[in-house]
């Protein structure tokens, strides 16, 4: 997993852009991707936040969680069921 960029670096890129440097030039100066500089400045202008958003977390699909008990019951009754067969239930 990629390590998060420090909040200090984000702040320095934003400050450079606010002082007149283009986003691409600021990205080059600080050694980050231009897309990151564009995103950081946009997020800062929209919300005022320079902190990175949380990464990862629970990726369970709520759609499948709604059928959890049904899926487990079907698997218990037929433990060699395929996904195609399970999808037909």
PDB file of N, CA and C in Angstrom:
ATOM      1  N   UNK A   1       0.843  -1.172   0.000  1.00  0.00           N
ATOM      2  CA  UNK A   1       0.000   0.000   0.000  1.00  0.00           C
ATOM      3  C   UNK A   1       0.892   1.240   0.000  1.00  0.00           C
ATOM      4  N   UNK A   2       0.485   2.229  -0.704  1.00  0.00           N
ATOM      5  CA  UNK A   2       1.255   3.458  -0.824  1.00  0.00           C
ATOM      6  C   UNK A   2       1.116   4.270   0.461  1.00  0.00           C
ATOM      7  N   UNK A   3       2.230   4.819   0.902  1.00  0.00           N
ATOM      8  CA  UNK A   3       2.216   5.636   2.107  1.00  0.00           C
ATOM      9  C   UNK A   3       1.586   6.993   1.806  1.00  0.00           C
ATOM     10  N   UNK A   4       0.811   7.507   2.746  1.00  0.00           N
ATOM     11  CA  UNK A   4       0.154   8.799   2.564  1.00  0.00           C
ATOM     12  C   UNK A   4       1.193   9.921   2.545  1.00  0.00           C
ATOM     13  N   UNK A   5       0.942  10.911   1.717  1.00  0.00           N
ATOM     14  CA  UNK A   5       1.801  12.094   1.644  1.00  0.00           C
ATOM     15  C   UNK A   5       1.535  12.947   2.887  1.00  0.00           C
ATOM     16  N   UNK A   6       2.561  13.545   3.437  1.00  0.00           N
ATOM     17  CA  UNK A   6       2.397  14.330   4.663  1.00  0.00           C
ATOM     18  C   UNK A   6       1.514  15.550   4.412  1.00  0.00           C
ATOM     19  N   UNK A   7       0.827  15.939   5.475  1.00  0.00           N
ATOM     20  CA  UNK A   7      -0.028  17.122   5.393  1.00  0.00           C
ATOM     21  C   UNK A   7       0.811  18.376   5.141  1.00  0.00           C
ATOM     22  N   UNK A   8       2.034  18.381   5.656  1.00  0.00           N
ATOM     23  CA  UNK A   8       2.942  19.515   5.446  1.00  0.00           C
ATOM     24  C   UNK A   8       3.257  19.694   3.961  1.00  0.00           C
ATOM     25  N   UNK A   9       3.518  18.594   3.265  1.00  0.00           N
ATOM     26  CA  UNK A   9       3.818  18.675   1.833  1.00  0.00           C
ATOM     27  C   UNK A   9       2.604  19.178   1.058  1.00  0.00           C
ATOM     28  N   UNK A  10       1.436  18.675   1.411  1.00  0.00           N
ATOM     29  CA  UNK A  10       0.201  19.154   0.766  1.00  0.00           C
ATOM     30  C   UNK A  10       0.050  20.661   0.968  1.00  0.00           C
ATOM     31  N   UNK A  11       0.291  21.103   2.190  1.00  0.00           N
ATOM     32  CA  UNK A  11       0.166  22.535   2.503  1.00  0.00           C
ATOM     33  C   UNK A  11       1.164  23.372   1.711  1.00  0.00           C
ATOM     34  N   UNK A  12       2.385  22.863   1.562  1.00  0.00           N
ATOM     35  CA  UNK A  12       3.400  23.607   0.800  1.00  0.00           C
ATOM     36  C   UNK A  12       3.035  23.699  -0.680  1.00  0.00           C
ATOM     37  N   UNK A  13       2.485  22.616  -1.240  1.00  0.00           N
ATOM     38  CA  UNK A  13       2.051  22.641  -2.645  1.00  0.00           C
ATOM     39  C   UNK A  13       0.924  23.651  -2.810  1.00  0.00           C
ATOM     40  N   UNK A  14      -0.041  23.624  -1.909  1.00  0.00           N
ATOM     41  CA  UNK A  14      -1.174  24.557  -1.979  1.00  0.00           C
ATOM     42  C   UNK A  14      -0.686  25.996  -1.838  1.00  0.00           C
ATOM     43  N   UNK A  15       0.223  26.240  -0.904  1.00  0.00           N
ATOM     44  CA  UNK A  15       0.759  27.594  -0.707  1.00  0.00           C
ATOM     45  C   UNK A  15       1.491  28.074  -1.951  1.00  0.00           C
ATOM     46  N   UNK A  16       2.231  27.184  -2.597  1.00  0.00           N
ATOM     47  CA  UNK A  16       2.948  27.563  -3.820  1.00  0.00           C
ATOM     48  C   UNK A  16       1.969  27.943  -4.924  1.00  0.00           C
ATOM     49  N   UNK A  17       0.887  27.193  -5.045  1.00  0.00           N
ATOM     50  CA  UNK A  17      -0.126  27.506  -6.063  1.00  0.00           C
ATOM     51  C   UNK A  17      -0.810  28.823  -5.728  1.00  0.00           C
ATOM     52  N   UNK A  18      -1.119  29.031  -4.469  1.00  0.00           N
ATOM     53  CA  UNK A  18      -1.773  30.271  -4.052  1.00  0.00           C
ATOM     54  C   UNK A  18      -0.866  31.486  -4.235  1.00  0.00           C
ATOM     55  N   UNK A  19       0.448  31.278  -4.215  1.00  0.00           N
ATOM     56  CA  UNK A  19       1.366  32.407  -4.410  1.00  0.00           C
ATOM     57  C   UNK A  19       1.653  32.670  -5.884  1.00  0.00           C
ATOM     58  N   UNK A  20       0.980  31.930  -6.769  1.00  0.00           N
ATOM     59  CA  UNK A  20       1.093  32.229  -8.187  1.00  0.00           C
ATOM     60  C   UNK A  20       1.690  31.148  -9.056  1.00  0.00           C
ATOM     61  N   UNK A  21       2.230  30.117  -8.481  1.00  0.00           N
ATOM     62  CA  UNK A  21       2.808  29.022  -9.262  1.00  0.00           C
ATOM     63  C   UNK A  21       1.677  28.173  -9.852  1.00  0.00           C
ATOM     64  N   UNK A  22       1.881  27.651 -11.032  1.00  0.00           N
ATOM     65  CA  UNK A  22       0.861  26.762 -11.598  1.00  0.00           C
ATOM     66  C   UNK A  22       0.865  25.450 -10.828  1.00  0.00           C
ATOM     67  N   UNK A  23      -0.213  24.719 -10.926  1.00  0.00           N
ATOM     68  CA  UNK A  23      -0.295  23.431 -10.233  1.00  0.00           C
ATOM     69  C   UNK A  23       0.795  22.481 -10.718  1.00  0.00           C
ATOM     70  N   UNK A  24       1.017  22.461 -12.026  1.00  0.00           N
ATOM     71  CA  UNK A  24       2.038  21.578 -12.603  1.00  0.00           C
ATOM     72  C   UNK A  24       3.438  21.981 -12.127  1.00  0.00           C
ATOM     73  N   UNK A  25       3.718  23.280 -12.097  1.00  0.00           N
ATOM     74  CA  UNK A  25       5.031  23.750 -11.636  1.00  0.00           C
ATOM     75  C   UNK A  25       5.231  23.440 -10.152  1.00  0.00           C
ATOM     76  N   UNK A  26       4.174  23.610  -9.367  1.00  0.00           N
ATOM     77  CA  UNK A  26       4.268  23.282  -7.941  1.00  0.00           C
ATOM     78  C   UNK A  26       4.506  21.788  -7.755  1.00  0.00           C
ATOM     79  N   UNK A  27       3.841  20.975  -8.557  1.00  0.00           N
ATOM     80  CA  UNK A  27       4.033  19.526  -8.478  1.00  0.00           C
ATOM     81  C   UNK A  27       5.473  19.162  -8.813  1.00  0.00           C
ATOM     82  N   UNK A  28       6.012  19.768  -9.864  1.00  0.00           N
ATOM     83  CA  UNK A  28       7.410  19.508 -10.241  1.00  0.00           C
ATOM     84  C   UNK A  28       8.371  19.946  -9.133  1.00  0.00           C
ATOM     85  N   UNK A  29       8.119  21.098  -8.555  1.00  0.00           N
ATOM     86  CA  UNK A  29       9.004  21.630  -7.513  1.00  0.00           C
ATOM     87  C   UNK A  29       9.065  20.696  -6.300  1.00  0.00           C
ATOM     88  N   UNK A  30       7.920  20.118  -5.933  1.00  0.00           N
ATOM     89  CA  UNK A  30       7.876  19.292  -4.724  1.00  0.00           C
ATOM     90  C   UNK A  30       7.927  17.791  -5.006  1.00  0.00           C
ATOM     91  N   UNK A  31       8.048  17.430  -6.279  1.00  0.00           N
ATOM     92  CA  UNK A  31       8.217  16.023  -6.622  1.00  0.00           C
ATOM     93  C   UNK A  31       6.982  15.164  -6.442  1.00  0.00           C
ATOM     94  N   UNK A  32       5.819  15.738  -6.727  1.00  0.00           N
ATOM     95  CA  UNK A  32       4.578  14.962  -6.661  1.00  0.00           C
ATOM     96  C   UNK A  32       3.916  14.987  -8.035  1.00  0.00           C
ATOM     97  N   UNK A  33       2.932  14.154  -8.226  1.00  0.00           N
ATOM     98  CA  UNK A  33       2.227  14.106  -9.502  1.00  0.00           C
ATOM     99  C   UNK A  33       1.377  15.362  -9.684  1.00  0.00           C
ATOM    100  N   UNK A  34       1.291  15.822 -10.922  1.00  0.00           N
ATOM    101  CA  UNK A  34       0.479  17.008 -11.222  1.00  0.00           C
ATOM    102  C   UNK A  34      -0.979  16.765 -10.850  1.00  0.00           C
ATOM    103  N   UNK A  35      -1.464  15.549 -11.087  1.00  0.00           N
ATOM    104  CA  UNK A  35      -2.856  15.223 -10.748  1.00  0.00           C
ATOM    105  C   UNK A  35      -3.097  15.370  -9.247  1.00  0.00           C
ATOM    106  N   UNK A  36      -2.109  15.004  -8.447  1.00  0.00           N
ATOM    107  CA  UNK A  36      -2.243  15.158  -6.993  1.00  0.00           C
ATOM    108  C   UNK A  36      -2.323  16.630  -6.617  1.00  0.00           C
ATOM    109  N   UNK A  37      -1.468  17.446  -7.204  1.00  0.00           N
ATOM    110  CA  UNK A  37      -1.488  18.879  -6.909  1.00  0.00           C
ATOM    111  C   UNK A  37      -2.828  19.493  -7.296  1.00  0.00           C
ATOM    112  N   UNK A  38      -3.344  19.103  -8.447  1.00  0.00           N
ATOM    113  CA  UNK A  38      -4.648  19.616  -8.894  1.00  0.00           C
ATOM    114  C   UNK A  38      -5.732  19.216  -7.898  1.00  0.00           C
ATOM    115  N   UNK A  39      -5.733  17.946  -7.488  1.00  0.00           N
ATOM    116  CA  UNK A  39      -6.744  17.440  -6.558  1.00  0.00           C
ATOM    117  C   UNK A  39      -6.629  18.123  -5.194  1.00  0.00           C
ATOM    118  N   UNK A  40      -5.403  18.272  -4.682  1.00  0.00           N
ATOM    119  CA  UNK A  40      -5.230  18.900  -3.375  1.00  0.00           C
ATOM    120  C   UNK A  40      -5.715  20.340  -3.374  1.00  0.00           C
ATOM    121  N   UNK A  41      -5.400  21.088  -4.423  1.00  0.00           N
ATOM    122  CA  UNK A  41      -5.831  22.490  -4.495  1.00  0.00           C
ATOM    123  C   UNK A  41      -7.351  22.561  -4.610  1.00  0.00           C
ATOM    124  N   UNK A  42      -7.929  21.690  -5.433  1.00  0.00           N
ATOM    125  CA  UNK A  42      -9.389  21.675  -5.581  1.00  0.00           C
ATOM    126  C   UNK A  42     -10.070  21.366  -4.248  1.00  0.00           C
ATOM    127  N   UNK A  43      -9.598  20.334  -3.559  1.00  0.00           N
ATOM    128  CA  UNK A  43     -10.198  19.969  -2.274  1.00  0.00           C
ATOM    129  C   UNK A  43     -10.018  21.078  -1.245  1.00  0.00           C
ATOM    130  N   UNK A  44      -8.854  21.723  -1.257  1.00  0.00           N
ATOM    131  CA  UNK A  44      -8.612  22.811  -0.321  1.00  0.00           C
ATOM    132  C   UNK A  44      -9.555  23.984  -0.594  1.00  0.00           C
ATOM    133  N   UNK A  45      -9.756  24.300  -1.861  1.00  0.00           N
ATOM    134  CA  UNK A  45     -10.652  25.414  -2.205  1.00  0.00           C
ATOM    135  C   UNK A  45     -12.105  25.082  -1.883  1.00  0.00           C
ATOM    136  N   UNK A  46     -12.483  23.814  -2.019  1.00  0.00           N
ATOM    137  CA  UNK A  46     -13.869  23.417  -1.744  1.00  0.00           C
ATOM    138  C   UNK A  46     -14.158  23.298  -0.254  1.00  0.00           C
ATOM    139  N   UNK A  47     -13.203  22.756   0.505  1.00  0.00           N
ATOM    140  CA  UNK A  47     -13.492  22.458   1.907  1.00  0.00           C
ATOM    141  C   UNK A  47     -12.555  23.136   2.904  1.00  0.00           C
ATOM    142  N   UNK A  48     -11.440  23.650   2.425  1.00  0.00           N
ATOM    143  CA  UNK A  48     -10.470  24.255   3.325  1.00  0.00           C
ATOM    144  C   UNK A  48      -9.582  23.243   4.031  1.00  0.00           C
ATOM    145  N   UNK A  49      -9.721  21.966   3.677  1.00  0.00           N
ATOM    146  CA  UNK A  49      -8.960  20.909   4.347  1.00  0.00           C
ATOM    147  C   UNK A  49      -7.721  20.526   3.545  1.00  0.00           C
ATOM    148  N   UNK A  50      -6.619  20.342   4.253  1.00  0.00           N
ATOM    149  CA  UNK A  50      -5.400  19.857   3.606  1.00  0.00           C
ATOM    150  C   UNK A  50      -5.094  18.426   4.023  1.00  0.00           C
ATOM    151  N   UNK A  51      -5.845  17.904   4.946  1.00  0.00           N
ATOM    152  CA  UNK A  51      -5.615  16.552   5.462  1.00  0.00           C
ATOM    153  C   UNK A  51      -6.105  15.507   4.462  1.00  0.00           C
ATOM    154  N   UNK A  52      -5.376  14.407   4.375  1.00  0.00           N
ATOM    155  CA  UNK A  52      -5.759  13.312   3.479  1.00  0.00           C
ATOM    156  C   UNK A  52      -7.043  12.661   3.984  1.00  0.00           C
ATOM    157  N   UNK A  53      -7.851  12.207   3.062  1.00  0.00           N
ATOM    158  CA  UNK A  53      -9.063  11.487   3.429  1.00  0.00           C
ATOM    159  C   UNK A  53      -8.679  10.091   3.907  1.00  0.00           C
ATOM    160  N   UNK A  54      -9.504   9.489   4.749  1.00  0.00           N
ATOM    161  CA  UNK A  54      -9.196   8.141   5.225  1.00  0.00           C
ATOM    162  C   UNK A  54      -9.113   7.150   4.068  1.00  0.00           C
ATOM    163  N   UNK A  55      -8.193   6.201   4.191  1.00  0.00           N
ATOM    164  CA  UNK A  55      -8.027   5.179   3.162  1.00  0.00           C
ATOM    165  C   UNK A  55      -8.550   3.847   3.668  1.00  0.00           C
ATOM    166  N   UNK A  56      -8.991   3.036   2.726  1.00  0.00           N
ATOM    167  CA  UNK A  56      -9.375   1.669   3.063  1.00  0.00           C
ATOM    168  C   UNK A  56     -10.640   1.603   3.885  1.00  0.00           C
ATOM    169  N   UNK A  57     -10.677   0.637   4.761  1.00  0.00           N
ATOM    170  CA  UNK A  57     -11.848   0.442   5.592  1.00  0.00           C
ATOM    171  C   UNK A  57     -12.627  -0.778   5.148  1.00  0.00           C
ATOM    172  N   UNK A  58     -13.815  -0.899   5.664  1.00  0.00           N
ATOM    173  CA  UNK A  58     -14.664  -2.045   5.366  1.00  0.00           C
ATOM    174  C   UNK A  58     -15.197  -1.936   3.949  1.00  0.00           C
ATOM    175  N   UNK A  59     -14.850  -2.892   3.118  1.00  0.00           N
ATOM    176  CA  UNK A  59     -15.247  -2.860   1.714  1.00  0.00           C
ATOM    177  C   UNK A  59     -16.433  -3.783   1.425  1.00  0.00           C
ATOM    178  N   UNK A  60     -17.096  -4.270   2.458  1.00  0.00           N
ATOM    179  CA  UNK A  60     -18.217  -5.178   2.230  1.00  0.00           C
ATOM    180  C   UNK A  60     -19.329  -4.469   1.471  1.00  0.00           C
ATOM    181  N   UNK A  61     -19.896  -5.194   0.567  1.00  0.00           N
ATOM    182  CA  UNK A  61     -21.012  -4.651  -0.191  1.00  0.00           C
ATOM    183  C   UNK A  61     -22.287  -4.777   0.635  1.00  0.00           C
ATOM    184  N   UNK A  62     -22.990  -3.687   0.786  1.00  0.00           N
ATOM    185  CA  UNK A  62     -24.243  -3.729   1.537  1.00  0.00           C
ATOM    186  C   UNK A  62     -25.296  -4.559   0.813  1.00  0.00           C
ATOM    187  N   UNK A  63     -25.196  -4.630  -0.505  1.00  0.00           N
ATOM    188  CA  UNK A  63     -26.169  -5.438  -1.252  1.00  0.00           C
ATOM    189  C   UNK A  63     -26.041  -6.907  -0.909  1.00  0.00           C
ATOM    190  N   UNK A  64     -24.831  -7.402  -0.806  1.00  0.00           N
ATOM    191  CA  UNK A  64     -24.654  -8.819  -0.503  1.00  0.00           C
ATOM    192  C   UNK A  64     -24.896  -9.089   0.983  1.00  0.00           C
ATOM    193  N   UNK A  65     -24.609  -8.136   1.832  1.00  0.00           N
ATOM    194  CA  UNK A  65     -24.851  -8.312   3.264  1.00  0.00           C
ATOM    195  C   UNK A  65     -26.340  -8.497   3.548  1.00  0.00           C
ATOM    196  N   UNK A  66     -27.203  -7.903   2.742  1.00  0.00           N
ATOM    197  CA  UNK A  66     -28.644  -8.057   2.926  1.00  0.00           C
ATOM    198  C   UNK A  66     -29.082  -9.502   2.696  1.00  0.00           C
ATOM    199  N   UNK A  67     -28.321 -10.256   1.915  1.00  0.00           N
ATOM    200  CA  UNK A  67     -28.651 -11.652   1.599  1.00  0.00           C
ATOM    201  C   UNK A  67     -27.766 -12.638   2.351  1.00  0.00           C
ATOM    202  N   UNK A  68     -27.064 -12.179   3.340  1.00  0.00           N
ATOM    203  CA  UNK A  68     -26.095 -13.010   4.054  1.00  0.00           C
ATOM    204  C   UNK A  68     -26.696 -14.309   4.570  1.00  0.00           C
ATOM    205  N   UNK A  69     -27.805 -14.224   5.291  1.00  0.00           N
ATOM    206  CA  UNK A  69     -28.414 -15.419   5.885  1.00  0.00           C
ATOM    207  C   UNK A  69     -28.883 -16.399   4.821  1.00  0.00           C
ATOM    208  N   UNK A  70     -29.463 -15.884   3.745  1.00  0.00           N
ATOM    209  CA  UNK A  70     -29.927 -16.745   2.652  1.00  0.00           C
ATOM    210  C   UNK A  70     -28.753 -17.459   1.997  1.00  0.00           C
ATOM    211  N   UNK A  71     -27.706 -16.728   1.713  1.00  0.00           N
ATOM    212  CA  UNK A  71     -26.526 -17.314   1.064  1.00  0.00           C
ATOM    213  C   UNK A  71     -25.921 -18.404   1.942  1.00  0.00           C
ATOM    214  N   UNK A  72     -25.775 -18.119   3.224  1.00  0.00           N
ATOM    215  CA  UNK A  72     -25.197 -19.109   4.130  1.00  0.00           C
ATOM    216  C   UNK A  72     -26.076 -20.346   4.248  1.00  0.00           C
ATOM    217  N   UNK A  73     -27.394 -20.158   4.256  1.00  0.00           N
ATOM    218  CA  UNK A  73     -28.308 -21.305   4.337  1.00  0.00           C
ATOM    219  C   UNK A  73     -28.206 -22.174   3.088  1.00  0.00           C
ATOM    220  N   UNK A  74     -28.121 -21.551   1.917  1.00  0.00           N
ATOM    221  CA  UNK A  74     -27.995 -22.306   0.666  1.00  0.00           C
ATOM    222  C   UNK A  74     -26.676 -23.072   0.648  1.00  0.00           C
ATOM    223  N   UNK A  75     -25.604 -22.436   1.061  1.00  0.00           N
ATOM    224  CA  UNK A  75     -24.291 -23.093   1.081  1.00  0.00           C
ATOM    225  C   UNK A  75     -24.282 -24.252   2.080  1.00  0.00           C
ATOM    226  N   UNK A  76     -24.968 -24.074   3.204  1.00  0.00           N
ATOM    227  CA  UNK A  76     -25.045 -25.148   4.192  1.00  0.00           C
ATOM    228  C   UNK A  76     -25.766 -26.366   3.625  1.00  0.00           C
ATOM    229  N   UNK A  77     -26.793 -26.121   2.822  1.00  0.00           N
ATOM    230  CA  UNK A  77     -27.552 -27.217   2.216  1.00  0.00           C
ATOM    231  C   UNK A  77     -26.815 -27.879   1.063  1.00  0.00           C
ATOM    232  N   UNK A  78     -26.003 -27.133   0.365  1.00  0.00           N
ATOM    233  CA  UNK A  78     -25.271 -27.662  -0.799  1.00  0.00           C
ATOM    234  C   UNK A  78     -23.886 -27.018  -0.806  1.00  0.00           C
ATOM    235  N   UNK A  79     -22.944 -27.665  -0.144  1.00  0.00           N
ATOM    236  CA  UNK A  79     -21.636 -27.041   0.048  1.00  0.00           C
ATOM    237  C   UNK A  79     -20.765 -27.002  -1.203  1.00  0.00           C
ATOM    238  N   UNK A  80     -21.161 -27.691  -2.278  1.00  0.00           N
ATOM    239  CA  UNK A  80     -20.375 -27.647  -3.515  1.00  0.00           C
ATOM    240  C   UNK A  80     -21.037 -26.779  -4.586  1.00  0.00           C
ATOM    241  N   UNK A  81     -21.893 -25.877  -4.170  1.00  0.00           N
ATOM    242  CA  UNK A  81     -22.619 -25.003  -5.103  1.00  0.00           C
ATOM    243  C   UNK A  81     -21.647 -24.026  -5.775  1.00  0.00           C
ATOM    244  N   UNK A  82     -21.896 -23.745  -7.034  1.00  0.00           N
ATOM    245  CA  UNK A  82     -21.065 -22.785  -7.763  1.00  0.00           C
ATOM    246  C   UNK A  82     -21.672 -21.394  -7.645  1.00  0.00           C
ATOM    247  N   UNK A  83     -20.913 -20.379  -7.998  1.00  0.00           N
ATOM    248  CA  UNK A  83     -21.435 -19.011  -7.957  1.00  0.00           C
ATOM    249  C   UNK A  83     -22.592 -18.820  -8.926  1.00  0.00           C
ATOM    250  N   UNK A  84     -22.505 -19.467 -10.085  1.00  0.00           N
ATOM    251  CA  UNK A  84     -23.585 -19.364 -11.074  1.00  0.00           C
ATOM    252  C   UNK A  84     -24.870 -19.935 -10.490  1.00  0.00           C
ATOM    253  N   UNK A  85     -24.773 -21.101  -9.860  1.00  0.00           N
ATOM    254  CA  UNK A  85     -25.955 -21.710  -9.244  1.00  0.00           C
ATOM    255  C   UNK A  85     -26.470 -20.856  -8.093  1.00  0.00           C
ATOM    256  N   UNK A  86     -25.585 -20.309  -7.322  1.00  0.00           N
ATOM    257  CA  UNK A  86     -25.982 -19.464  -6.203  1.00  0.00           C
ATOM    258  C   UNK A  86     -26.684 -18.199  -6.691  1.00  0.00           C
ATOM    259  N   UNK A  87     -26.229 -17.666  -7.802  1.00  0.00           N
ATOM    260  CA  UNK A  87     -26.836 -16.448  -8.356  1.00  0.00           C
ATOM    261  C   UNK A  87     -28.260 -16.688  -8.834  1.00  0.00           C
ATOM    262  N   UNK A  88     -28.595 -17.939  -9.146  1.00  0.00           N
ATOM    263  CA  UNK A  88     -29.941 -18.260  -9.626  1.00  0.00           C
ATOM    264  C   UNK A  88     -30.967 -18.307  -8.499  1.00  0.00           C
ATOM    265  N   UNK A  89     -30.532 -18.308  -7.243  1.00  0.00           N
ATOM    266  CA  UNK A  89     -31.466 -18.360  -6.117  1.00  0.00           C
ATOM    267  C   UNK A  89     -32.181 -17.073  -5.937  1.00  0.00           C
TER     268      UNK A  89
END
